[in-house]
Amino acid sequence: MDQNTELNQQGGEGAGVPTKQPDAAPKKMILQALYGFYDDAGRLWQWVEGQIVDDVEHIKMLVERKAPAVEHKED
């Protein structure tokens, strides 16, 4: 058990504060397969395999829905 975990369990310094920060959203993602869905308004959202997505809102949707995509890292 590390020191932060021990302090949190004992109610000491940092109690109630998560020790791990969430990962930042990627700036670009690349789709590994065709992916799409209809939103609540009935609009079709669709991306093709190999498509690079750089729109922040689209990336947020893809991550939330666990789309078959990975972070695109430019060389």
PDB file of N, CA and C in Angstrom:
ATOM      1  N   MET A   1       0.866  -1.173   0.000  1.00  0.00           N
ATOM      2  CA  MET A   1       0.000   0.000   0.000  1.00  0.00           C
ATOM      3  C   MET A   1       0.907   1.229   0.000  1.00  0.00           C
ATOM      4  N   ASP A   2       0.622   2.182  -0.908  1.00  0.00           N
ATOM      5  CA  ASP A   2       1.475   3.367  -0.937  1.00  0.00           C
ATOM      6  C   ASP A   2       1.021   4.393   0.102  1.00  0.00           C
ATOM      7  N   GLN A   3       1.842   5.395   0.284  1.00  0.00           N
ATOM      8  CA  GLN A   3       1.583   6.395   1.328  1.00  0.00           C
ATOM      9  C   GLN A   3       0.281   7.148   1.096  1.00  0.00           C
ATOM     10  N   ASN A   4      -0.013   7.534  -0.168  1.00  0.00           N
ATOM     11  CA  ASN A   4      -1.242   8.273  -0.457  1.00  0.00           C
ATOM     12  C   ASN A   4      -2.483   7.449  -0.136  1.00  0.00           C
ATOM     13  N   THR A   5      -2.451   6.177  -0.521  1.00  0.00           N
ATOM     14  CA  THR A   5      -3.593   5.306  -0.245  1.00  0.00           C
ATOM     15  C   THR A   5      -3.795   5.163   1.258  1.00  0.00           C
ATOM     16  N   GLU A   6      -2.692   4.968   1.972  1.00  0.00           N
ATOM     17  CA  GLU A   6      -2.770   4.812   3.423  1.00  0.00           C
ATOM     18  C   GLU A   6      -3.339   6.073   4.078  1.00  0.00           C
ATOM     19  N   LEU A   7      -2.866   7.257   3.659  1.00  0.00           N
ATOM     20  CA  LEU A   7      -3.371   8.506   4.226  1.00  0.00           C
ATOM     21  C   LEU A   7      -4.854   8.693   3.921  1.00  0.00           C
ATOM     22  N   ASN A   8      -5.270   8.350   2.676  1.00  0.00           N
ATOM     23  CA  ASN A   8      -6.677   8.488   2.315  1.00  0.00           C
ATOM     24  C   ASN A   8      -7.559   7.568   3.152  1.00  0.00           C
ATOM     25  N   GLN A   9      -7.106   6.348   3.393  1.00  0.00           N
ATOM     26  CA  GLN A   9      -7.889   5.403   4.178  1.00  0.00           C
ATOM     27  C   GLN A   9      -7.965   5.824   5.639  1.00  0.00           C
ATOM     28  N   GLN A  10      -6.941   6.479   6.138  1.00  0.00           N
ATOM     29  CA  GLN A  10      -6.919   6.906   7.524  1.00  0.00           C
ATOM     30  C   GLN A  10      -7.592   8.253   7.729  1.00  0.00           C
ATOM     31  N   GLY A  11      -7.993   8.892   6.628  1.00  0.00           N
ATOM     32  CA  GLY A  11      -8.643  10.193   6.750  1.00  0.00           C
ATOM     33  C   GLY A  11      -7.647  11.313   6.955  1.00  0.00           C
ATOM     34  N   GLY A  12      -6.397  11.066   6.635  1.00  0.00           N
ATOM     35  CA  GLY A  12      -5.353  12.068   6.806  1.00  0.00           C
ATOM     36  C   GLY A  12      -5.265  12.995   5.612  1.00  0.00           C
ATOM     37  N   GLU A  13      -4.084  13.525   5.395  1.00  0.00           N
ATOM     38  CA  GLU A  13      -3.833  14.473   4.308  1.00  0.00           C
ATOM     39  C   GLU A  13      -4.300  13.878   2.986  1.00  0.00           C
ATOM     40  N   GLY A  14      -5.077  14.649   2.229  1.00  0.00           N
ATOM     41  CA  GLY A  14      -5.561  14.202   0.934  1.00  0.00           C
ATOM     42  C   GLY A  14      -6.757  13.286   1.005  1.00  0.00           C
ATOM     43  N   ALA A  15      -7.380  13.151   2.151  1.00  0.00           N
ATOM     44  CA  ALA A  15      -8.525  12.256   2.291  1.00  0.00           C
ATOM     45  C   ALA A  15      -9.643  12.675   1.347  1.00  0.00           C
ATOM     46  N   GLY A  16     -10.186  11.705   0.645  1.00  0.00           N
ATOM     47  CA  GLY A  16     -11.293  11.968  -0.262  1.00  0.00           C
ATOM     48  C   GLY A  16     -10.865  12.526  -1.606  1.00  0.00           C
ATOM     49  N   VAL A  17      -9.574  12.745  -1.796  1.00  0.00           N
ATOM     50  CA  VAL A  17      -9.078  13.269  -3.064  1.00  0.00           C
ATOM     51  C   VAL A  17      -8.524  12.104  -3.868  1.00  0.00           C
ATOM     52  N   PRO A  18      -9.012  11.933  -5.101  1.00  0.00           N
ATOM     53  CA  PRO A  18      -8.485  10.822  -5.895  1.00  0.00           C
ATOM     54  C   PRO A  18      -6.989  10.991  -6.133  1.00  0.00           C
ATOM     55  N   THR A  19      -6.258   9.884  -6.083  1.00  0.00           N
ATOM     56  CA  THR A  19      -4.817   9.967  -6.259  1.00  0.00           C
ATOM     57  C   THR A  19      -4.413   9.882  -7.720  1.00  0.00           C
ATOM     58  N   LYS A  20      -5.325   9.440  -8.599  1.00  0.00           N
ATOM     59  CA  LYS A  20      -5.009   9.329 -10.015  1.00  0.00           C
ATOM     60  C   LYS A  20      -5.878  10.306 -10.804  1.00  0.00           C
ATOM     61  N   GLN A  21      -5.256  11.098 -11.652  1.00  0.00           N
ATOM     62  CA  GLN A  21      -5.983  12.043 -12.493  1.00  0.00           C
ATOM     63  C   GLN A  21      -6.442  11.337 -13.759  1.00  0.00           C
ATOM     64  N   PRO A  22      -7.630  11.691 -14.297  1.00  0.00           N
ATOM     65  CA  PRO A  22      -8.088  11.069 -15.543  1.00  0.00           C
ATOM     66  C   PRO A  22      -7.184  11.483 -16.701  1.00  0.00           C
ATOM     67  N   ASP A  23      -7.059  10.576 -17.658  1.00  0.00           N
ATOM     68  CA  ASP A  23      -6.242  10.873 -18.833  1.00  0.00           C
ATOM     69  C   ASP A  23      -6.900  11.953 -19.677  1.00  0.00           C
ATOM     70  N   ALA A  24      -6.086  12.793 -20.279  1.00  0.00           N
ATOM     71  CA  ALA A  24      -6.593  13.835 -21.162  1.00  0.00           C
ATOM     72  C   ALA A  24      -7.078  13.184 -22.461  1.00  0.00           C
ATOM     73  N   ALA A  25      -8.093  13.762 -23.060  1.00  0.00           N
ATOM     74  CA  ALA A  25      -8.614  13.247 -24.328  1.00  0.00           C
ATOM     75  C   ALA A  25      -7.557  13.438 -25.412  1.00  0.00           C
ATOM     76  N   PRO A  26      -7.472  12.497 -26.340  1.00  0.00           N
ATOM     77  CA  PRO A  26      -6.505  12.643 -27.427  1.00  0.00           C
ATOM     78  C   PRO A  26      -6.876  13.814 -28.336  1.00  0.00           C
ATOM     79  N   LYS A  27      -5.889  14.378 -28.999  1.00  0.00           N
ATOM     80  CA  LYS A  27      -6.142  15.489 -29.930  1.00  0.00           C
ATOM     81  C   LYS A  27      -6.658  14.977 -31.262  1.00  0.00           C
ATOM     82  N   LYS A  28      -6.232  13.762 -31.632  1.00  0.00           N
ATOM     83  CA  LYS A  28      -6.691  13.132 -32.864  1.00  0.00           C
ATOM     84  C   LYS A  28      -6.875  11.647 -32.611  1.00  0.00           C
ATOM     85  N   MET A  29      -7.873  11.082 -33.295  1.00  0.00           N
ATOM     86  CA  MET A  29      -8.110   9.642 -33.207  1.00  0.00           C
ATOM     87  C   MET A  29      -8.235   9.093 -34.617  1.00  0.00           C
ATOM     88  N   ILE A  30      -7.891   7.831 -34.764  1.00  0.00           N
ATOM     89  CA  ILE A  30      -8.062   7.165 -36.053  1.00  0.00           C
ATOM     90  C   ILE A  30      -8.963   5.950 -35.842  1.00  0.00           C
ATOM     91  N   LEU A  31      -9.976   5.832 -36.681  1.00  0.00           N
ATOM     92  CA  LEU A  31     -10.941   4.741 -36.550  1.00  0.00           C
ATOM     93  C   LEU A  31     -10.340   3.448 -37.075  1.00  0.00           C
ATOM     94  N   GLN A  32     -10.519   2.376 -36.326  1.00  0.00           N
ATOM     95  CA  GLN A  32     -10.000   1.070 -36.716  1.00  0.00           C
ATOM     96  C   GLN A  32     -11.030   0.236 -37.463  1.00  0.00           C
ATOM     97  N   ALA A  33     -12.258   0.700 -37.514  1.00  0.00           N
ATOM     98  CA  ALA A  33     -13.332   0.003 -38.220  1.00  0.00           C
ATOM     99  C   ALA A  33     -14.455   1.002 -38.497  1.00  0.00           C
ATOM    100  N   LEU A  34     -15.331   0.649 -39.410  1.00  0.00           N
ATOM    101  CA  LEU A  34     -16.520   1.461 -39.650  1.00  0.00           C
ATOM    102  C   LEU A  34     -17.293   1.568 -38.341  1.00  0.00           C
ATOM    103  N   TYR A  35     -17.740   2.774 -38.013  1.00  0.00           N
ATOM    104  CA  TYR A  35     -18.481   2.970 -36.770  1.00  0.00           C
ATOM    105  C   TYR A  35     -19.533   4.044 -36.976  1.00  0.00           C
ATOM    106  N   GLY A  36     -20.714   3.823 -36.431  1.00  0.00           N
ATOM    107  CA  GLY A  36     -21.766   4.816 -36.532  1.00  0.00           C
ATOM    108  C   GLY A  36     -22.873   4.552 -35.536  1.00  0.00           C
ATOM    109  N   PHE A  37     -23.702   5.556 -35.338  1.00  0.00           N
ATOM    110  CA  PHE A  37     -24.847   5.432 -34.438  1.00  0.00           C
ATOM    111  C   PHE A  37     -25.825   6.555 -34.742  1.00  0.00           C
ATOM    112  N   TYR A  38     -27.060   6.368 -34.305  1.00  0.00           N
ATOM    113  CA  TYR A  38     -28.072   7.417 -34.378  1.00  0.00           C
ATOM    114  C   TYR A  38     -28.152   8.088 -33.011  1.00  0.00           C
ATOM    115  N   ASP A  39     -28.123   9.422 -32.996  1.00  0.00           N
ATOM    116  CA  ASP A  39     -28.245  10.125 -31.721  1.00  0.00           C
ATOM    117  C   ASP A  39     -29.709  10.245 -31.330  1.00  0.00           C
ATOM    118  N   ASP A  40     -29.974  10.868 -30.200  1.00  0.00           N
ATOM    119  CA  ASP A  40     -31.343  10.992 -29.688  1.00  0.00           C
ATOM    120  C   ASP A  40     -32.263  11.774 -30.621  1.00  0.00           C
ATOM    121  N   ALA A  41     -31.689  12.636 -31.452  1.00  0.00           N
ATOM    122  CA  ALA A  41     -32.486  13.424 -32.404  1.00  0.00           C
ATOM    123  C   ALA A  41     -32.697  12.672 -33.719  1.00  0.00           C
ATOM    124  N   GLY A  42     -32.152  11.460 -33.825  1.00  0.00           N
ATOM    125  CA  GLY A  42     -32.326  10.660 -35.028  1.00  0.00           C
ATOM    126  C   GLY A  42     -31.284  10.930 -36.106  1.00  0.00           C
ATOM    127  N   ARG A  43     -30.255  11.728 -35.791  1.00  0.00           N
ATOM    128  CA  ARG A  43     -29.196  12.006 -36.768  1.00  0.00           C
ATOM    129  C   ARG A  43     -28.198  10.858 -36.785  1.00  0.00           C
ATOM    130  N   LEU A  44     -27.751  10.506 -37.986  1.00  0.00           N
ATOM    131  CA  LEU A  44     -26.754   9.456 -38.138  1.00  0.00           C
ATOM    132  C   LEU A  44     -25.361  10.060 -38.041  1.00  0.00           C
ATOM    133  N   TRP A  45     -24.550   9.511 -37.161  1.00  0.00           N
ATOM    134  CA  TRP A  45     -23.140   9.871 -37.036  1.00  0.00           C
ATOM    135  C   TRP A  45     -22.367   8.662 -37.530  1.00  0.00           C
ATOM    136  N   GLN A  46     -21.434   8.876 -38.478  1.00  0.00           N
ATOM    137  CA  GLN A  46     -20.738   7.729 -39.040  1.00  0.00           C
ATOM    138  C   GLN A  46     -19.310   8.105 -39.434  1.00  0.00           C
ATOM    139  N   TRP A  47     -18.387   7.188 -39.175  1.00  0.00           N
ATOM    140  CA  TRP A  47     -16.983   7.363 -39.527  1.00  0.00           C
ATOM    141  C   TRP A  47     -16.529   6.089 -40.212  1.00  0.00           C
ATOM    142  N   VAL A  48     -15.605   6.210 -41.158  1.00  0.00           N
ATOM    143  CA  VAL A  48     -15.106   5.041 -41.878  1.00  0.00           C
ATOM    144  C   VAL A  48     -13.769   4.586 -41.313  1.00  0.00           C
ATOM    145  N   GLU A  49     -13.433   3.335 -41.558  1.00  0.00           N
ATOM    146  CA  GLU A  49     -12.157   2.795 -41.105  1.00  0.00           C
ATOM    147  C   GLU A  49     -11.008   3.622 -41.670  1.00  0.00           C
ATOM    148  N   GLY A  50     -10.058   3.985 -40.818  1.00  0.00           N
ATOM    149  CA  GLY A  50      -8.907   4.768 -41.242  1.00  0.00           C
ATOM    150  C   GLY A  50      -9.114   6.270 -41.189  1.00  0.00           C
ATOM    151  N   GLN A  51     -10.342   6.712 -40.923  1.00  0.00           N
ATOM    152  CA  GLN A  51     -10.625   8.148 -40.859  1.00  0.00           C
ATOM    153  C   GLN A  51      -9.964   8.760 -39.629  1.00  0.00           C
ATOM    154  N   ILE A  52      -9.308   9.896 -39.831  1.00  0.00           N
ATOM    155  CA  ILE A  52      -8.688  10.619 -38.725  1.00  0.00           C
ATOM    156  C   ILE A  52      -9.677  11.681 -38.257  1.00  0.00           C
ATOM    157  N   VAL A  53      -9.985  11.661 -36.966  1.00  0.00           N
ATOM    158  CA  VAL A  53     -10.950  12.587 -36.376  1.00  0.00           C
ATOM    159  C   VAL A  53     -10.194  13.567 -35.490  1.00  0.00           C
ATOM    160  N   ASP A  54     -10.424  14.884 -35.732  1.00  0.00           N
ATOM    161  CA  ASP A  54      -9.735  15.886 -34.919  1.00  0.00           C
ATOM    162  C   ASP A  54     -10.695  16.888 -34.269  1.00  0.00           C
ATOM    163  N   ASP A  55     -11.985  16.713 -34.496  1.00  0.00           N
ATOM    164  CA  ASP A  55     -12.982  17.576 -33.879  1.00  0.00           C
ATOM    165  C   ASP A  55     -13.167  17.148 -32.416  1.00  0.00           C
ATOM    166  N   VAL A  56     -12.988  18.088 -31.498  1.00  0.00           N
ATOM    167  CA  VAL A  56     -13.031  17.785 -30.062  1.00  0.00           C
ATOM    168  C   VAL A  56     -14.349  17.129 -29.652  1.00  0.00           C
ATOM    169  N   GLU A  57     -15.463  17.642 -30.133  1.00  0.00           N
ATOM    170  CA  GLU A  57     -16.770  17.079 -29.759  1.00  0.00           C
ATOM    171  C   GLU A  57     -16.947  15.667 -30.320  1.00  0.00           C
ATOM    172  N   HIS A  58     -16.463  15.430 -31.534  1.00  0.00           N
ATOM    173  CA  HIS A  58     -16.572  14.096 -32.128  1.00  0.00           C
ATOM    174  C   HIS A  58     -15.708  13.110 -31.346  1.00  0.00           C
ATOM    175  N   ILE A  59     -14.496  13.532 -30.963  1.00  0.00           N
ATOM    176  CA  ILE A  59     -13.616  12.669 -30.175  1.00  0.00           C
ATOM    177  C   ILE A  59     -14.283  12.318 -28.846  1.00  0.00           C
ATOM    178  N   LYS A  60     -14.911  13.304 -28.230  1.00  0.00           N
ATOM    179  CA  LYS A  60     -15.603  13.063 -26.959  1.00  0.00           C
ATOM    180  C   LYS A  60     -16.697  11.993 -27.137  1.00  0.00           C
ATOM    181  N   MET A  61     -17.482  12.100 -28.212  1.00  0.00           N
ATOM    182  CA  MET A  61     -18.527  11.106 -28.478  1.00  0.00           C
ATOM    183  C   MET A  61     -17.926   9.723 -28.698  1.00  0.00           C
ATOM    184  N   LEU A  62     -16.858   9.657 -29.479  1.00  0.00           N
ATOM    185  CA  LEU A  62     -16.234   8.371 -29.778  1.00  0.00           C
ATOM    186  C   LEU A  62     -15.687   7.710 -28.512  1.00  0.00           C
ATOM    187  N   VAL A  63     -15.046   8.487 -27.669  1.00  0.00           N
ATOM    188  CA  VAL A  63     -14.491   7.944 -26.423  1.00  0.00           C
ATOM    189  C   VAL A  63     -15.614   7.471 -25.502  1.00  0.00           C
ATOM    190  N   GLU A  64     -16.656   8.300 -25.343  1.00  0.00           N
ATOM    191  CA  GLU A  64     -17.776   7.934 -24.472  1.00  0.00           C
ATOM    192  C   GLU A  64     -18.461   6.657 -24.925  1.00  0.00           C
ATOM    193  N   ARG A  65     -18.530   6.448 -26.237  1.00  0.00           N
ATOM    194  CA  ARG A  65     -19.222   5.283 -26.782  1.00  0.00           C
ATOM    195  C   ARG A  65     -18.290   4.099 -27.025  1.00  0.00           C
ATOM    196  N   LYS A  66     -17.032   4.250 -26.621  1.00  0.00           N
ATOM    197  CA  LYS A  66     -16.044   3.180 -26.770  1.00  0.00           C
ATOM    198  C   LYS A  66     -15.940   2.699 -28.216  1.00  0.00           C
ATOM    199  N   ALA A  67     -15.853   3.651 -29.125  1.00  0.00           N
ATOM    200  CA  ALA A  67     -15.731   3.345 -30.550  1.00  0.00           C
ATOM    201  C   ALA A  67     -14.397   2.652 -30.830  1.00  0.00           C
ATOM    202  N   PRO A  68     -14.336   1.874 -31.911  1.00  0.00           N
ATOM    203  CA  PRO A  68     -13.086   1.190 -32.262  1.00  0.00           C
ATOM    204  C   PRO A  68     -12.081   2.185 -32.850  1.00  0.00           C
ATOM    205  N   ALA A  69     -11.483   2.984 -31.985  1.00  0.00           N
ATOM    206  CA  ALA A  69     -10.554   4.023 -32.426  1.00  0.00           C
ATOM    207  C   ALA A  69      -9.393   4.110 -31.443  1.00  0.00           C
ATOM    208  N   VAL A  70      -8.265   4.576 -31.941  1.00  0.00           N
ATOM    209  CA  VAL A  70      -7.087   4.770 -31.098  1.00  0.00           C
ATOM    210  C   VAL A  70      -6.544   6.170 -31.336  1.00  0.00           C
ATOM    211  N   GLU A  71      -5.727   6.616 -30.396  1.00  0.00           N
ATOM    212  CA  GLU A  71      -5.116   7.937 -30.541  1.00  0.00           C
ATOM    213  C   GLU A  71      -4.210   7.933 -31.769  1.00  0.00           C
ATOM    214  N   HIS A  72      -4.315   8.985 -32.572  1.00  0.00           N
ATOM    215  CA  HIS A  72      -3.475   9.137 -33.757  1.00  0.00           C
ATOM    216  C   HIS A  72      -2.290   9.999 -33.382  1.00  0.00           C
ATOM    217  N   LYS A  73      -1.116   9.415 -33.472  1.00  0.00           N
ATOM    218  CA  LYS A  73       0.111  10.159 -33.146  1.00  0.00           C
ATOM    219  C   LYS A  73       0.847  10.451 -34.441  1.00  0.00           C
ATOM    220  N   GLU A  74       1.087  11.721 -34.662  1.00  0.00           N
ATOM    221  CA  GLU A  74       1.790  12.118 -35.871  1.00  0.00           C
ATOM    222  C   GLU A  74       3.291  11.930 -35.673  1.00  0.00           C
ATOM    223  N   ASP A  75       3.969  11.550 -36.731  1.00  0.00           N
ATOM    224  CA  ASP A  75       5.429  11.361 -36.664  1.00  0.00           C
ATOM    225  C   ASP A  75       6.159  12.682 -36.713  1.00  0.00           C
TER     226      ASP A  75
END
